[in-house]
Amino acid sequence: MASPEKMIKMLLDEIRQGTAPLATIIQNQEILILQNKQLLELLEDTRLTIVNDQE
């Protein structure tokens, strides 16, 4: 049987491997949030331009 230290190391390695996709998902979500923010700002600028043109 493996030593407790080796078992802990193996467990930590498995946890890291299992959570790596989650880190990628989080990173992608952050990118989407920033892109959505930029899109909302662009839409607001467009709306303000249309409102100002109508006045």
N, C-alpha and C. Protein backbone atom coordinates (compact mmCIF):
# COMPACT_ATOMS: atom_id res chain seq x y z
N MET A 1 0.85 -1.19 0.00
CA MET A 1 0.00 0.00 0.00
C MET A 1 0.89 1.24 0.00
N ALA A 2 0.45 2.27 -0.67
CA ALA A 2 1.22 3.51 -0.78
C ALA A 2 1.24 4.23 0.56
N SER A 3 2.29 5.01 0.73
CA SER A 3 2.40 5.79 1.97
C SER A 3 1.32 6.88 1.97
N PRO A 4 0.97 7.37 3.16
CA PRO A 4 -0.04 8.45 3.23
C PRO A 4 0.35 9.67 2.41
N GLU A 5 1.64 9.98 2.37
CA GLU A 5 2.09 11.14 1.60
C GLU A 5 1.83 10.94 0.11
N LYS A 6 2.13 9.72 -0.38
CA LYS A 6 1.90 9.43 -1.80
C LYS A 6 0.40 9.43 -2.12
N MET A 7 -0.39 8.92 -1.20
CA MET A 7 -1.84 8.90 -1.42
C MET A 7 -2.40 10.32 -1.48
N ILE A 8 -1.92 11.18 -0.60
CA ILE A 8 -2.36 12.58 -0.60
C ILE A 8 -1.93 13.26 -1.88
N LYS A 9 -0.68 13.01 -2.30
CA LYS A 9 -0.19 13.61 -3.54
C LYS A 9 -1.02 13.14 -4.73
N MET A 10 -1.33 11.85 -4.77
CA MET A 10 -2.15 11.32 -5.87
C MET A 10 -3.54 11.95 -5.85
N LEU A 11 -4.11 12.09 -4.67
CA LEU A 11 -5.43 12.70 -4.54
C LEU A 11 -5.42 14.15 -5.01
N LEU A 12 -4.40 14.90 -4.59
CA LEU A 12 -4.29 16.29 -5.02
C LEU A 12 -4.11 16.40 -6.53
N ASP A 13 -3.33 15.50 -7.11
CA ASP A 13 -3.16 15.50 -8.56
C ASP A 13 -4.49 15.23 -9.28
N GLU A 14 -5.27 14.30 -8.74
CA GLU A 14 -6.57 14.00 -9.34
C GLU A 14 -7.51 15.20 -9.22
N ILE A 15 -7.47 15.87 -8.08
CA ILE A 15 -8.31 17.06 -7.89
C ILE A 15 -7.91 18.14 -8.88
N ARG A 16 -6.61 18.36 -9.05
CA ARG A 16 -6.13 19.37 -10.01
C ARG A 16 -6.58 19.04 -11.42
N GLN A 17 -6.45 17.79 -11.80
CA GLN A 17 -6.87 17.37 -13.14
C GLN A 17 -8.37 17.54 -13.33
N GLY A 18 -9.11 17.26 -12.27
CA GLY A 18 -10.56 17.37 -12.35
C GLY A 18 -11.05 18.80 -12.40
N THR A 19 -10.31 19.70 -11.78
CA THR A 19 -10.75 21.09 -11.74
C THR A 19 -10.17 21.94 -12.87
N ALA A 20 -9.25 21.41 -13.63
CA ALA A 20 -8.67 22.17 -14.74
C ALA A 20 -9.74 22.60 -15.75
N PRO A 21 -10.66 21.72 -16.14
CA PRO A 21 -11.72 22.17 -17.06
C PRO A 21 -12.58 23.27 -16.45
N LEU A 22 -12.79 23.23 -15.14
CA LEU A 22 -13.58 24.28 -14.49
C LEU A 22 -12.88 25.62 -14.60
N ALA A 23 -11.56 25.63 -14.47
CA ALA A 23 -10.81 26.88 -14.60
C ALA A 23 -10.97 27.44 -16.01
N THR A 24 -10.96 26.57 -17.00
CA THR A 24 -11.17 27.01 -18.39
C THR A 24 -12.57 27.58 -18.58
N ILE A 25 -13.56 26.91 -17.99
CA ILE A 25 -14.94 27.40 -18.09
C ILE A 25 -15.06 28.78 -17.45
N ILE A 26 -14.46 28.95 -16.29
CA ILE A 26 -14.50 30.25 -15.60
C ILE A 26 -13.86 31.32 -16.46
N GLN A 27 -12.71 31.01 -17.02
CA GLN A 27 -12.01 31.97 -17.87
C GLN A 27 -12.86 32.36 -19.09
N ASN A 28 -13.51 31.36 -19.70
CA ASN A 28 -14.37 31.65 -20.85
C ASN A 28 -15.56 32.50 -20.44
N GLN A 29 -16.12 32.24 -19.28
CA GLN A 29 -17.25 33.03 -18.80
C GLN A 29 -16.83 34.48 -18.56
N GLU A 30 -15.64 34.68 -18.03
CA GLU A 30 -15.14 36.04 -17.81
C GLU A 30 -15.00 36.79 -19.14
N ILE A 31 -14.53 36.09 -20.16
CA ILE A 31 -14.41 36.69 -21.49
C ILE A 31 -15.79 37.06 -22.02
N LEU A 32 -16.75 36.16 -21.87
CA LEU A 32 -18.11 36.44 -22.33
C LEU A 32 -18.72 37.63 -21.60
N ILE A 33 -18.47 37.73 -20.32
CA ILE A 33 -18.99 38.86 -19.54
C ILE A 33 -18.42 40.17 -20.07
N LEU A 34 -17.12 40.20 -20.33
CA LEU A 34 -16.49 41.41 -20.87
C LEU A 34 -17.04 41.75 -22.25
N GLN A 35 -17.22 40.73 -23.09
CA GLN A 35 -17.76 40.98 -24.42
C GLN A 35 -19.20 41.50 -24.34
N ASN A 36 -19.98 40.94 -23.44
CA ASN A 36 -21.36 41.40 -23.28
C ASN A 36 -21.39 42.84 -22.78
N LYS A 37 -20.47 43.17 -21.89
CA LYS A 37 -20.40 44.55 -21.39
C LYS A 37 -20.08 45.51 -22.54
N GLN A 38 -19.13 45.13 -23.38
CA GLN A 38 -18.78 45.97 -24.52
C GLN A 38 -19.96 46.11 -25.48
N LEU A 39 -20.68 45.02 -25.69
CA LEU A 39 -21.85 45.07 -26.57
C LEU A 39 -22.93 45.98 -26.00
N LEU A 40 -23.17 45.90 -24.71
CA LEU A 40 -24.16 46.77 -24.08
C LEU A 40 -23.77 48.24 -24.19
N GLU A 41 -22.48 48.52 -24.02
CA GLU A 41 -22.01 49.90 -24.15
C GLU A 41 -22.20 50.39 -25.59
N LEU A 42 -21.90 49.55 -26.55
CA LEU A 42 -22.09 49.91 -27.96
C LEU A 42 -23.57 50.15 -28.27
N LEU A 43 -24.42 49.28 -27.76
CA LEU A 43 -25.86 49.46 -27.98
C LEU A 43 -26.36 50.75 -27.33
N GLU A 44 -25.87 51.05 -26.16
CA GLU A 44 -26.28 52.30 -25.49
C GLU A 44 -25.81 53.52 -26.28
N ASP A 45 -24.58 53.47 -26.77
CA ASP A 45 -24.07 54.57 -27.61
C ASP A 45 -24.93 54.73 -28.86
N THR A 46 -25.30 53.61 -29.47
CA THR A 46 -26.15 53.66 -30.66
C THR A 46 -27.52 54.24 -30.33
N ARG A 47 -28.08 53.81 -29.23
CA ARG A 47 -29.39 54.33 -28.81
C ARG A 47 -29.33 55.83 -28.57
N LEU A 48 -28.28 56.28 -27.89
CA LEU A 48 -28.14 57.72 -27.63
C LEU A 48 -27.97 58.50 -28.93
N THR A 49 -27.25 57.95 -29.87
CA THR A 49 -27.08 58.60 -31.17
C THR A 49 -28.42 58.73 -31.88
N ILE A 50 -29.20 57.68 -31.85
CA ILE A 50 -30.52 57.72 -32.50
C ILE A 50 -31.41 58.74 -31.81
N VAL A 51 -31.42 58.77 -30.49
CA VAL A 51 -32.24 59.73 -29.75
C VAL A 51 -31.81 61.15 -30.07
N ASN A 52 -30.51 61.40 -30.11
CA ASN A 52 -30.00 62.74 -30.41
C ASN A 52 -30.32 63.16 -31.84
N ASP A 53 -30.29 62.21 -32.77
CA ASP A 53 -30.61 62.51 -34.16
C ASP A 53 -32.09 62.86 -34.34
N GLN A 54 -32.92 62.31 -33.49
CA GLN A 54 -34.36 62.56 -33.59
C GLN A 54 -34.75 63.92 -33.01
N GLU A 55 -33.89 64.48 -32.21
CA GLU A 55 -34.21 65.77 -31.57
C GLU A 55 -33.95 66.94 -32.46
